């Protein structure tokens, strides 16, 4: 076996530490699962039976990655207790079709409720934002370790309003991405910090809005609608993390801005951008904006062409 690097050894130790923590938190080392008479493995088998109309022992063994002999002993005990029923498969007399019985469902009910309540108790200790982070992290682990190339992970995007901590993320993300992708200096981050601070200080909920986009619980985008005048709304700070590009998120964020601005009573919307931000400009064109003004300038440490875009609502 080739020698493992120090970084890999540290990561292995971290995964094992998390595994010990998680099994302890859920009580998976206890003899019974959530105070029922079932072991963890028996609970997993019963769960699969409760969520399948019928199955075979081979299918269960593959789904749960269990030894066939071990699974057979569990199924035999379940059958003796009246928790499952078996019948011969029509197309293969060697195979038995297994299904849960009414008694099995009755036995499964407290196990299912206990597991639900146990996880609920864990999550209720956290804020909504922290819960989203936990679920997102779990989704990432599942996607990276459990999905095969043939079954890609289904990504979940949620748009929500801003909450404490989001303005710092918006500012830092703009500063880091624009420095990395366009070579802009830290003065741009300072400008974003001023915009976000002003948004919070002068926020008018009826006529202004911030959307934060989350992908599997992690922040990956933002956009703002602010009041320019009684009749004109301004779209600001549209940004998409590279990990969330290509998912139609930019269009979705801009569409939200347009719908909100109309409902808030604005007659038109304007925005300010730079000519080299081609992806953003493409989104604005497809959303019906037209270029109304441009100006050469030197900002954020580089030569730029600033643009103003507008559209009626």
C-alpha atoms as a PDB file:
ATOM      1  CA  UNK A   1       0.000   0.000   0.000  1.00  0.00           C
ATOM      2  CA  UNK A   2       1.495   3.398  -0.950  1.00  0.00           C
ATOM      3  CA  UNK A   3       2.383   5.784   1.855  1.00  0.00           C
ATOM      4  CA  UNK A   4      -0.432   8.160   2.754  1.00  0.00           C
ATOM      5  CA  UNK A   5       0.186  11.887   2.889  1.00  0.00           C
ATOM      6  CA  UNK A   6      -0.206  13.795   6.142  1.00  0.00           C
ATOM      7  CA  UNK A   7      -3.228  15.623   4.676  1.00  0.00           C
ATOM      8  CA  UNK A   8      -4.949  12.353   3.791  1.00  0.00           C
ATOM      9  CA  UNK A   9      -4.230  10.903   7.246  1.00  0.00           C
ATOM     10  CA  UNK A  10      -5.755  14.012   8.840  1.00  0.00           C
ATOM     11  CA  UNK A  11      -8.871  13.690   6.638  1.00  0.00           C
ATOM     12  CA  UNK A  12      -9.238   9.998   7.488  1.00  0.00           C
ATOM     13  CA  UNK A  13      -9.049  10.870  11.178  1.00  0.00           C
ATOM     14  CA  UNK A  14     -11.657  13.609  10.690  1.00  0.00           C
ATOM     15  CA  UNK A  15     -14.094  11.227   8.952  1.00  0.00           C
ATOM     16  CA  UNK A  16     -13.658   8.624  11.684  1.00  0.00           C
ATOM     17  CA  UNK A  17     -14.145  11.293  14.360  1.00  0.00           C
ATOM     18  CA  UNK A  18     -17.381  12.426  12.692  1.00  0.00           C
ATOM     19  CA  UNK A  19     -18.568   8.829  12.419  1.00  0.00           C
ATOM     20  CA  UNK A  20     -18.026   8.317  16.160  1.00  0.00           C
ATOM     21  CA  UNK A  21     -19.828  11.592  16.923  1.00  0.00           C
ATOM     22  CA  UNK A  22     -22.826  10.825  14.709  1.00  0.00           C
ATOM     23  CA  UNK A  23     -23.315   7.251  15.925  1.00  0.00           C
ATOM     24  CA  UNK A  24     -23.179   8.537  19.504  1.00  0.00           C
ATOM     25  CA  UNK A  25     -25.663  11.363  18.791  1.00  0.00           C
ATOM     26  CA  UNK A  26     -28.218   8.984  17.272  1.00  0.00           C
ATOM     27  CA  UNK A  27     -27.595   6.235  19.804  1.00  0.00           C
ATOM     28  CA  UNK A  28     -26.622   3.789  17.077  1.00  0.00           C
ATOM     29  CA  UNK A  29     -24.352   1.843  19.433  1.00  0.00           C
ATOM     30  CA  UNK A  30     -27.216   0.990  21.759  1.00  0.00           C
ATOM     31  CA  UNK A  31     -28.647  -2.526  21.646  1.00  0.00           C
ATOM     32  CA  UNK A  32     -32.078  -1.272  20.562  1.00  0.00           C
ATOM     33  CA  UNK A  33     -33.048   1.444  18.101  1.00  0.00           C
ATOM     34  CA  UNK A  34     -34.934   4.466  19.527  1.00  0.00           C
ATOM     35  CA  UNK A  35     -36.181   2.427  22.512  1.00  0.00           C
ATOM     36  CA  UNK A  36     -37.823  -0.308  20.425  1.00  0.00           C
ATOM     37  CA  UNK A  37     -37.036  -4.017  20.379  1.00  0.00           C
ATOM     38  CA  UNK A  38     -35.289  -3.717  17.032  1.00  0.00           C
ATOM     39  CA  UNK A  39     -31.559  -3.454  16.431  1.00  0.00           C
ATOM     40  CA  UNK A  40     -30.251  -0.861  13.973  1.00  0.00           C
ATOM     41  CA  UNK A  41     -30.006  -3.426  11.172  1.00  0.00           C
ATOM     42  CA  UNK A  42     -33.462  -4.810  11.896  1.00  0.00           C
ATOM     43  CA  UNK A  43     -34.832  -1.270  11.870  1.00  0.00           C
ATOM     44  CA  UNK A  44     -33.265  -0.622   8.473  1.00  0.00           C
ATOM     45  CA  UNK A  45     -34.790  -3.818   7.074  1.00  0.00           C
ATOM     46  CA  UNK A  46     -38.212  -2.963   8.495  1.00  0.00           C
ATOM     47  CA  UNK A  47     -37.968   0.556   7.072  1.00  0.00           C
ATOM     48  CA  UNK A  48     -37.280  -0.821   3.587  1.00  0.00           C
ATOM     49  CA  UNK A  49     -40.179  -3.237   3.844  1.00  0.00           C
ATOM     50  CA  UNK A  50     -42.519  -0.452   4.976  1.00  0.00           C
ATOM     51  CA  UNK A  51     -41.561   1.668   1.960  1.00  0.00           C
ATOM     52  CA  UNK A  52     -41.828  -1.042  -0.714  1.00  0.00           C
ATOM     53  CA  UNK A  53     -45.009  -2.669  -1.944  1.00  0.00           C
ATOM     54  CA  UNK A  54     -43.095  -5.919  -2.313  1.00  0.00           C
ATOM     55  CA  UNK A  55     -39.491  -6.937  -2.773  1.00  0.00           C
ATOM     56  CA  UNK A  56     -37.135  -9.902  -2.735  1.00  0.00           C
ATOM     57  CA  UNK A  57     -34.385 -10.890  -0.333  1.00  0.00           C
ATOM     58  CA  UNK A  58     -31.804 -10.248  -3.059  1.00  0.00           C
ATOM     59  CA  UNK A  59     -33.102  -6.734  -3.652  1.00  0.00           C
ATOM     60  CA  UNK A  60     -33.047  -5.983   0.085  1.00  0.00           C
ATOM     61  CA  UNK A  61     -29.522  -7.336   0.473  1.00  0.00           C
ATOM     62  CA  UNK A  62     -28.316  -5.151  -2.389  1.00  0.00           C
ATOM     63  CA  UNK A  63     -30.139  -2.032  -1.166  1.00  0.00           C
ATOM     64  CA  UNK A  64     -28.834  -2.384   2.389  1.00  0.00           C
ATOM     65  CA  UNK A  65     -25.442  -3.928   1.526  1.00  0.00           C
ATOM     66  CA  UNK A  66     -26.129  -6.823   3.893  1.00  0.00           C
ATOM     67  CA  UNK A  67     -24.782 -10.357   3.929  1.00  0.00           C
ATOM     68  CA  UNK A  68     -27.444 -12.671   2.485  1.00  0.00           C
ATOM     69  CA  UNK A  69     -27.173 -15.153   5.367  1.00  0.00           C
ATOM     70  CA  UNK A  70     -27.484 -12.420   7.993  1.00  0.00           C
ATOM     71  CA  UNK A  71     -30.486 -10.920   6.192  1.00  0.00           C
ATOM     72  CA  UNK A  72     -32.141 -14.341   5.862  1.00  0.00           C
ATOM     73  CA  UNK A  73     -32.012 -14.813   9.636  1.00  0.00           C
ATOM     74  CA  UNK A  74     -33.646 -11.402  10.184  1.00  0.00           C
ATOM     75  CA  UNK A  75     -36.369 -12.130   7.639  1.00  0.00           C
ATOM     76  CA  UNK A  76     -37.015 -15.526   9.203  1.00  0.00           C
ATOM     77  CA  UNK A  77     -37.527 -13.904  12.626  1.00  0.00           C
ATOM     78  CA  UNK A  78     -39.807 -11.266  11.086  1.00  0.00           C
ATOM     79  CA  UNK A  79     -41.866 -13.998   9.394  1.00  0.00           C
ATOM     80  CA  UNK A  80     -42.120 -15.996  12.650  1.00  0.00           C
ATOM     81  CA  UNK A  81     -43.385 -12.833  14.379  1.00  0.00           C
ATOM     82  CA  UNK A  82     -45.934 -12.181  11.649  1.00  0.00           C
ATOM     83  CA  UNK A  83     -44.284  -8.943  10.498  1.00  0.00           C
ATOM     84  CA  UNK A  84     -43.904  -9.977   6.875  1.00  0.00           C
ATOM     85  CA  UNK A  85     -45.569 -12.267   4.350  1.00  0.00           C
ATOM     86  CA  UNK A  86     -43.984 -14.284   1.553  1.00  0.00           C
ATOM     87  CA  UNK A  87     -45.309 -15.653  -1.697  1.00  0.00           C
ATOM     88  CA  UNK A  88     -43.689 -17.261  -4.707  1.00  0.00           C
ATOM     89  CA  UNK A  89     -42.916 -14.985  -7.641  1.00  0.00           C
ATOM     90  CA  UNK A  90     -45.002 -15.859 -10.704  1.00  0.00           C
ATOM     91  CA  UNK A  91     -42.137 -15.565 -13.179  1.00  0.00           C
ATOM     92  CA  UNK A  92     -39.528 -17.329 -11.004  1.00  0.00           C
ATOM     93  CA  UNK A  93     -40.586 -20.047  -8.593  1.00  0.00           C
ATOM     94  CA  UNK A  94     -37.200 -19.905  -6.881  1.00  0.00           C
ATOM     95  CA  UNK A  95     -37.819 -16.318  -5.726  1.00  0.00           C
ATOM     96  CA  UNK A  96     -40.096 -15.235  -2.886  1.00  0.00           C
ATOM     97  CA  UNK A  97     -41.825 -11.866  -2.912  1.00  0.00           C
ATOM     98  CA  UNK A  98     -41.745 -10.275   0.520  1.00  0.00           C
ATOM     99  CA  UNK A  99     -44.190  -7.669   1.826  1.00  0.00           C
ATOM    100  CA  UNK A 100     -44.887  -6.107   5.199  1.00  0.00           C
ATOM    101  CA  UNK A 101     -48.059  -7.138   7.034  1.00  0.00           C
ATOM    102  CA  UNK A 102     -50.482  -4.996   9.023  1.00  0.00           C
ATOM    103  CA  UNK A 103     -48.773  -6.278  12.176  1.00  0.00           C
ATOM    104  CA  UNK A 104     -45.425  -5.278  10.669  1.00  0.00           C
ATOM    105  CA  UNK A 105     -46.666  -1.754   9.976  1.00  0.00           C
ATOM    106  CA  UNK A 106     -47.939  -1.525  13.543  1.00  0.00           C
ATOM    107  CA  UNK A 107     -44.505  -2.568  14.807  1.00  0.00           C
ATOM    108  CA  UNK A 108     -42.814  -0.091  12.461  1.00  0.00           C
ATOM    109  CA  UNK A 109     -44.938   2.906  13.560  1.00  0.00           C
ATOM    110  CA  UNK A 110     -43.212   3.575  16.942  1.00  0.00           C
ATOM    111  CA  UNK A 111     -39.798   2.996  15.371  1.00  0.00           C
ATOM    112  CA  UNK A 112     -40.563   5.521  12.621  1.00  0.00           C
ATOM    113  CA  UNK A 113     -41.988   8.067  15.071  1.00  0.00           C
ATOM    114  CA  UNK A 114     -39.097   7.606  17.483  1.00  0.00           C
ATOM    115  CA  UNK A 115     -36.554   8.192  14.733  1.00  0.00           C
ATOM    116  CA  UNK A 116     -38.466  11.249  13.502  1.00  0.00           C
ATOM    117  CA  UNK A 117     -38.713  12.723  17.005  1.00  0.00           C
ATOM    118  CA  UNK A 118     -35.042  12.034  17.707  1.00  0.00           C
ATOM    119  CA  UNK A 119     -33.892  13.946  14.630  1.00  0.00           C
ATOM    120  CA  UNK A 120     -36.425  16.714  15.333  1.00  0.00           C
ATOM    121  CA  UNK A 121     -34.967  17.137  18.831  1.00  0.00           C
ATOM    122  CA  UNK A 122     -31.488  17.479  17.349  1.00  0.00           C
ATOM    123  CA  UNK A 123     -32.528  20.069  14.764  1.00  0.00           C
ATOM    124  CA  UNK A 124     -34.706  22.094  17.117  1.00  0.00           C
ATOM    125  CA  UNK A 125     -31.584  23.074  19.064  1.00  0.00           C
ATOM    126  CA  UNK A 126     -30.453  24.984  15.959  1.00  0.00           C
ATOM    127  CA  UNK A 127     -31.656  28.105  14.193  1.00  0.00           C
ATOM    128  CA  UNK A 128     -33.328  27.789  10.782  1.00  0.00           C
ATOM    129  CA  UNK A 129     -30.079  28.897   9.134  1.00  0.00           C
ATOM    130  CA  UNK A 130     -28.062  26.317  11.066  1.00  0.00           C
ATOM    131  CA  UNK A 131     -30.577  23.592  10.190  1.00  0.00           C
ATOM    132  CA  UNK A 132     -30.201  24.484   6.513  1.00  0.00           C
ATOM    133  CA  UNK A 133     -26.412  24.257   6.819  1.00  0.00           C
ATOM    134  CA  UNK A 134     -26.631  20.823   8.436  1.00  0.00           C
ATOM    135  CA  UNK A 135     -29.003  19.487   5.774  1.00  0.00           C
ATOM    136  CA  UNK A 136     -26.896  21.017   3.020  1.00  0.00           C
ATOM    137  CA  UNK A 137     -23.728  19.469   4.406  1.00  0.00           C
ATOM    138  CA  UNK A 138     -25.432  16.074   4.585  1.00  0.00           C
ATOM    139  CA  UNK A 139     -26.628  16.431   1.006  1.00  0.00           C
ATOM    140  CA  UNK A 140     -23.063  17.201  -0.081  1.00  0.00           C
ATOM    141  CA  UNK A 141     -21.714  14.133   1.727  1.00  0.00           C
ATOM    142  CA  UNK A 142     -24.410  11.948   0.172  1.00  0.00           C
ATOM    143  CA  UNK A 143     -23.761  13.374  -3.294  1.00  0.00           C
ATOM    144  CA  UNK A 144     -19.982  12.954  -3.116  1.00  0.00           C
ATOM    145  CA  UNK A 145     -19.813   9.542  -1.461  1.00  0.00           C
ATOM    146  CA  UNK A 146     -23.066   7.844  -2.355  1.00  0.00           C
ATOM    147  CA  UNK A 147     -24.059   8.832  -5.866  1.00  0.00           C
ATOM    148  CA  UNK A 148     -22.841   7.034  -8.955  1.00  0.00           C
ATOM    149  CA  UNK A 149     -22.168   8.904 -12.225  1.00  0.00           C
ATOM    150  CA  UNK A 150     -25.308   7.301 -13.651  1.00  0.00           C
ATOM    151  CA  UNK A 151     -27.510   8.789 -10.903  1.00  0.00           C
ATOM    152  CA  UNK A 152     -26.456  12.429 -10.485  1.00  0.00           C
ATOM    153  CA  UNK A 153     -27.355  14.312  -7.322  1.00  0.00           C
ATOM    154  CA  UNK A 154     -30.520  16.399  -7.628  1.00  0.00           C
ATOM    155  CA  UNK A 155     -29.564  19.865  -6.439  1.00  0.00           C
ATOM    156  CA  UNK A 156     -32.044  21.935  -4.454  1.00  0.00           C
ATOM    157  CA  UNK A 157     -32.086  25.721  -4.878  1.00  0.00           C
ATOM    158  CA  UNK A 158     -34.000  27.881  -2.412  1.00  0.00           C
ATOM    159  CA  UNK A 159     -34.493  31.651  -2.587  1.00  0.00           C
ATOM    160  CA  UNK A 160     -35.059  33.399   0.722  1.00  0.00           C
ATOM    161  CA  UNK A 161     -34.996  36.889   2.200  1.00  0.00           C
ATOM    162  CA  UNK A 162     -31.912  38.180   3.969  1.00  0.00           C
ATOM    163  CA  UNK A 163     -31.097  37.548   7.608  1.00  0.00           C
ATOM    164  CA  UNK A 164     -28.175  38.373   9.954  1.00  0.00           C
ATOM    165  CA  UNK A 165     -24.825  37.403   8.460  1.00  0.00           C
ATOM    166  CA  UNK A 166     -25.936  37.600   4.828  1.00  0.00           C
ATOM    167  CA  UNK A 167     -24.581  41.095   4.121  1.00  0.00           C
ATOM    168  CA  UNK A 168     -21.126  39.997   5.206  1.00  0.00           C
ATOM    169  CA  UNK A 169     -21.358  37.030   2.846  1.00  0.00           C
ATOM    170  CA  UNK A 170     -22.537  39.230  -0.050  1.00  0.00           C
ATOM    171  CA  UNK A 171     -19.660  41.657   0.532  1.00  0.00           C
ATOM    172  CA  UNK A 172     -16.956  39.020   0.919  1.00  0.00           C
ATOM    173  CA  UNK A 173     -18.174  36.986  -2.060  1.00  0.00           C
ATOM    174  CA  UNK A 174     -18.231  39.997  -4.368  1.00  0.00           C
ATOM    175  CA  UNK A 175     -14.752  41.037  -3.234  1.00  0.00           C
ATOM    176  CA  UNK A 176     -13.228  37.584  -3.661  1.00  0.00           C
ATOM    177  CA  UNK A 177     -14.902  36.599  -6.964  1.00  0.00           C
ATOM    178  CA  UNK A 178     -14.326  39.879  -8.767  1.00  0.00           C
ATOM    179  CA  UNK A 179     -10.680  39.926  -7.685  1.00  0.00           C
ATOM    180  CA  UNK A 180     -10.225  36.339  -8.880  1.00  0.00           C
ATOM    181  CA  UNK A 181     -12.156  36.577 -12.156  1.00  0.00           C
ATOM    182  CA  UNK A 182     -11.616  40.193 -13.243  1.00  0.00           C
ATOM    183  CA  UNK A 183      -8.613  41.455 -11.271  1.00  0.00           C
ATOM    184  CA  UNK A 184     -10.562  44.148  -9.418  1.00  0.00           C
ATOM    185  CA  UNK A 185      -8.919  45.518  -6.305  1.00  0.00           C
ATOM    186  CA  UNK A 186     -10.259  45.782  -2.761  1.00  0.00           C
ATOM    187  CA  UNK A 187     -11.938  49.130  -3.430  1.00  0.00           C
ATOM    188  CA  UNK A 188     -14.772  47.183  -5.077  1.00  0.00           C
ATOM    189  CA  UNK A 189     -15.324  45.239  -1.864  1.00  0.00           C
ATOM    190  CA  UNK A 190     -15.485  48.565  -0.029  1.00  0.00           C
ATOM    191  CA  UNK A 191     -18.178  49.771  -2.449  1.00  0.00           C
ATOM    192  CA  UNK A 192     -20.240  46.606  -1.907  1.00  0.00           C
ATOM    193  CA  UNK A 193     -19.875  47.036   1.862  1.00  0.00           C
ATOM    194  CA  UNK A 194     -21.295  50.570   1.579  1.00  0.00           C
ATOM    195  CA  UNK A 195     -24.210  49.380  -0.561  1.00  0.00           C
ATOM    196  CA  UNK A 196     -25.139  46.555   1.812  1.00  0.00           C
ATOM    197  CA  UNK A 197     -24.787  48.806   4.877  1.00  0.00           C
ATOM    198  CA  UNK A 198     -27.048  51.427   3.301  1.00  0.00           C
ATOM    199  CA  UNK A 199     -29.562  48.733   2.380  1.00  0.00           C
ATOM    200  CA  UNK A 200     -29.851  47.635   6.022  1.00  0.00           C
ATOM    201  CA  UNK A 201     -29.874  51.180   7.440  1.00  0.00           C
ATOM    202  CA  UNK A 202     -32.556  52.497   5.057  1.00  0.00           C
ATOM    203  CA  UNK A 203     -34.454  49.281   4.343  1.00  0.00           C
ATOM    204  CA  UNK A 204     -38.079  49.766   3.239  1.00  0.00           C
ATOM    205  CA  UNK A 205     -39.658  46.284   3.352  1.00  0.00           C
ATOM    206  CA  UNK A 206     -42.636  47.264   1.198  1.00  0.00           C
ATOM    207  CA  UNK A 207     -40.500  48.527  -1.659  1.00  0.00           C
ATOM    208  CA  UNK A 208     -37.112  46.860  -1.256  1.00  0.00           C
ATOM    209  CA  UNK A 209     -35.959  43.281  -1.136  1.00  0.00           C
ATOM    210  CA  UNK A 210     -32.863  41.079  -0.975  1.00  0.00           C
ATOM    211  CA  UNK A 211     -32.870  37.476  -2.134  1.00  0.00           C
ATOM    212  CA  UNK A 212     -30.235  35.009  -0.999  1.00  0.00           C
ATOM    213  CA  UNK A 213     -29.997  31.834  -3.079  1.00  0.00           C
ATOM    214  CA  UNK A 214     -29.032  28.617  -1.331  1.00  0.00           C
ATOM    215  CA  UNK A 215     -27.910  25.429  -3.055  1.00  0.00           C
ATOM    216  CA  UNK A 216     -28.300  22.403  -0.773  1.00  0.00           C
ATOM    217  CA  UNK A 217     -28.250  24.785   2.205  1.00  0.00           C
ATOM    218  CA  UNK A 218     -25.175  26.780   1.172  1.00  0.00           C
ATOM    219  CA  UNK A 219     -25.330  30.411   0.004  1.00  0.00           C
ATOM    220  CA  UNK A 220     -24.517  30.661  -3.700  1.00  0.00           C
ATOM    221  CA  UNK A 221     -26.130  33.869  -4.958  1.00  0.00           C
ATOM    222  CA  UNK A 222     -27.768  37.202  -4.228  1.00  0.00           C
ATOM    223  CA  UNK A 223     -29.659  40.045  -5.810  1.00  0.00           C
ATOM    224  CA  UNK A 224     -31.254  43.238  -4.471  1.00  0.00           C
ATOM    225  CA  UNK A 225     -34.091  45.557  -5.431  1.00  0.00           C
ATOM    226  CA  UNK A 226     -33.737  49.039  -3.922  1.00  0.00           C
ATOM    227  CA  UNK A 227     -35.710  52.223  -4.307  1.00  0.00           C
ATOM    228  CA  UNK A 228     -34.186  54.776  -6.707  1.00  0.00           C
ATOM    229  CA  UNK A 229     -37.316  56.947  -6.809  1.00  0.00           C
ATOM    230  CA  UNK A 230     -41.046  56.507  -6.279  1.00  0.00           C
ATOM    231  CA  UNK A 231     -41.403  55.142  -9.824  1.00  0.00           C
ATOM    232  CA  UNK A 232     -37.971  53.602 -10.507  1.00  0.00           C
ATOM    233  CA  UNK A 233     -36.520  50.482  -8.866  1.00  0.00           C
ATOM    234  CA  UNK A 234     -32.826  49.613  -9.033  1.00  0.00           C
ATOM    235  CA  UNK A 235     -31.447  46.095  -9.386  1.00  0.00           C
ATOM    236  CA  UNK A 236     -28.150  45.647  -7.526  1.00  0.00           C
ATOM    237  CA  UNK A 237     -25.516  43.108  -6.509  1.00  0.00           C
ATOM    238  CA  UNK A 238     -26.458  40.157  -8.684  1.00  0.00           C
ATOM    239  CA  UNK A 239     -23.876  37.461  -8.121  1.00  0.00           C
ATOM    240  CA  UNK A 240     -23.734  33.701  -8.678  1.00  0.00           C
ATOM    241  CA  UNK A 241     -21.109  31.462  -7.111  1.00  0.00           C
ATOM    242  CA  UNK A 242     -19.199  29.435  -9.748  1.00  0.00           C
ATOM    243  CA  UNK A 243     -20.536  26.198  -8.209  1.00  0.00           C
ATOM    244  CA  UNK A 244     -24.116  27.287  -9.020  1.00  0.00           C
ATOM    245  CA  UNK A 245     -23.629  28.588 -12.547  1.00  0.00           C
ATOM    246  CA  UNK A 246     -25.380  26.928 -15.448  1.00  0.00           C
ATOM    247  CA  UNK A 247     -28.487  26.149 -13.380  1.00  0.00           C
ATOM    248  CA  UNK A 248     -30.593  29.104 -14.535  1.00  0.00           C
ATOM    249  CA  UNK A 249     -30.206  30.811 -11.169  1.00  0.00           C
ATOM    250  CA  UNK A 250     -29.328  34.237 -12.609  1.00  0.00           C
ATOM    251  CA  UNK A 251     -32.531  34.331 -14.655  1.00  0.00           C
ATOM    252  CA  UNK A 252     -34.547  33.169 -11.666  1.00  0.00           C
ATOM    253  CA  UNK A 253     -33.134  35.914  -9.427  1.00  0.00           C
ATOM    254  CA  UNK A 254     -33.745  38.643 -12.000  1.00  0.00           C
ATOM    255  CA  UNK A 255     -37.285  37.380 -12.618  1.00  0.00           C
ATOM    256  CA  UNK A 256     -37.962  37.632  -8.885  1.00  0.00           C
ATOM    257  CA  UNK A 257     -36.752  41.228  -8.942  1.00  0.00           C
ATOM    258  CA  UNK A 258     -39.043  42.140 -11.819  1.00  0.00           C
ATOM    259  CA  UNK A 259     -42.103  40.501 -10.222  1.00  0.00           C
ATOM    260  CA  UNK A 260     -41.456  42.177  -6.895  1.00  0.00           C
ATOM    261  CA  UNK A 261     -40.878  45.606  -8.474  1.00  0.00           C
ATOM    262  CA  UNK A 262     -44.178  45.387 -10.346  1.00  0.00           C
ATOM    263  CA  UNK A 263     -46.064  44.361  -7.225  1.00  0.00           C
ATOM    264  CA  UNK A 264     -44.405  47.199  -5.267  1.00  0.00           C
ATOM    265  CA  UNK A 265     -45.785  49.755  -7.752  1.00  0.00           C
ATOM    266  CA  UNK A 266     -42.645  50.736  -9.652  1.00  0.00           C
ATOM    267  CA  UNK A 267     -43.001  51.776 -13.304  1.00  0.00           C
ATOM    268  CA  UNK A 268     -39.493  50.870 -14.465  1.00  0.00           C
ATOM    269  CA  UNK A 269     -36.258  49.243 -13.355  1.00  0.00           C
ATOM    270  CA  UNK A 270     -32.654  50.311 -13.884  1.00  0.00           C
ATOM    271  CA  UNK A 271     -29.277  48.748 -13.190  1.00  0.00           C
ATOM    272  CA  UNK A 272     -25.585  49.619 -13.432  1.00  0.00           C
ATOM    273  CA  UNK A 273     -22.986  47.151 -14.665  1.00  0.00           C
ATOM    274  CA  UNK A 274     -19.735  46.885 -16.627  1.00  0.00           C
ATOM    275  CA  UNK A 275     -19.301  45.911 -20.269  1.00  0.00           C
ATOM    276  CA  UNK A 276     -16.940  43.016 -19.481  1.00  0.00           C
ATOM    277  CA  UNK A 277     -19.495  41.208 -17.292  1.00  0.00           C
ATOM    278  CA  UNK A 278     -20.774  39.242 -20.261  1.00  0.00           C
ATOM    279  CA  UNK A 279     -22.792  36.586 -18.419  1.00  0.00           C
ATOM    280  CA  UNK A 280     -24.711  39.196 -16.428  1.00  0.00           C
ATOM    281  CA  UNK A 281     -25.307  41.323 -19.528  1.00  0.00           C
ATOM    282  CA  UNK A 282     -26.762  38.272 -21.276  1.00  0.00           C
ATOM    283  CA  UNK A 283     -29.211  37.754 -18.408  1.00  0.00           C
ATOM    284  CA  UNK A 284     -30.279  41.405 -18.578  1.00  0.00           C
ATOM    285  CA  UNK A 285     -30.820  41.276 -22.341  1.00  0.00           C
ATOM    286  CA  UNK A 286     -32.973  38.144 -22.062  1.00  0.00           C
ATOM    287  CA  UNK A 287     -34.952  39.805 -19.264  1.00  0.00           C
ATOM    288  CA  UNK A 288     -35.879  42.707 -21.551  1.00  0.00           C
ATOM    289  CA  UNK A 289     -33.399  45.367 -20.402  1.00  0.00           C
ATOM    290  CA  UNK A 290     -31.927  47.813 -22.925  1.00  0.00           C
ATOM    291  CA  UNK A 291     -28.595  49.622 -22.780  1.00  0.00           C
ATOM    292  CA  UNK A 292     -29.259  53.344 -22.316  1.00  0.00           C
ATOM    293  CA  UNK A 293     -25.853  54.824 -21.409  1.00  0.00           C
ATOM    294  CA  UNK A 294     -22.164  53.907 -21.202  1.00  0.00           C
ATOM    295  CA  UNK A 295     -19.051  55.646 -19.931  1.00  0.00           C
ATOM    296  CA  UNK A 296     -15.339  54.815 -19.925  1.00  0.00           C
ATOM    297  CA  UNK A 297     -13.695  55.036 -16.505  1.00  0.00           C
ATOM    298  CA  UNK A 298     -10.905  53.688 -14.345  1.00  0.00           C
ATOM    299  CA  UNK A 299     -12.374  51.946 -11.296  1.00  0.00           C
ATOM    300  CA  UNK A 300     -11.342  49.168  -8.919  1.00  0.00           C
ATOM    301  CA  UNK A 301      -7.814  49.273 -10.296  1.00  0.00           C
ATOM    302  CA  UNK A 302      -8.732  48.560 -13.949  1.00  0.00           C
ATOM    303  CA  UNK A 303     -10.037  50.326 -17.057  1.00  0.00           C
ATOM    304  CA  UNK A 304     -13.758  49.738 -17.497  1.00  0.00           C
ATOM    305  CA  UNK A 305     -16.791  50.774 -19.502  1.00  0.00           C
ATOM    306  CA  UNK A 306     -19.718  51.377 -17.141  1.00  0.00           C
ATOM    307  CA  UNK A 307     -23.206  50.756 -18.507  1.00  0.00           C
ATOM    308  CA  UNK A 308     -26.724  51.706 -17.481  1.00  0.00           C
ATOM    309  CA  UNK A 309     -29.567  49.384 -18.477  1.00  0.00           C
ATOM    310  CA  UNK A 310     -33.296  50.006 -18.134  1.00  0.00           C
ATOM    311  CA  UNK A 311     -36.654  48.417 -18.841  1.00  0.00           C
ATOM    312  CA  UNK A 312     -40.310  49.302 -18.298  1.00  0.00           C
ATOM    313  CA  UNK A 313     -42.394  47.237 -15.914  1.00  0.00           C
END
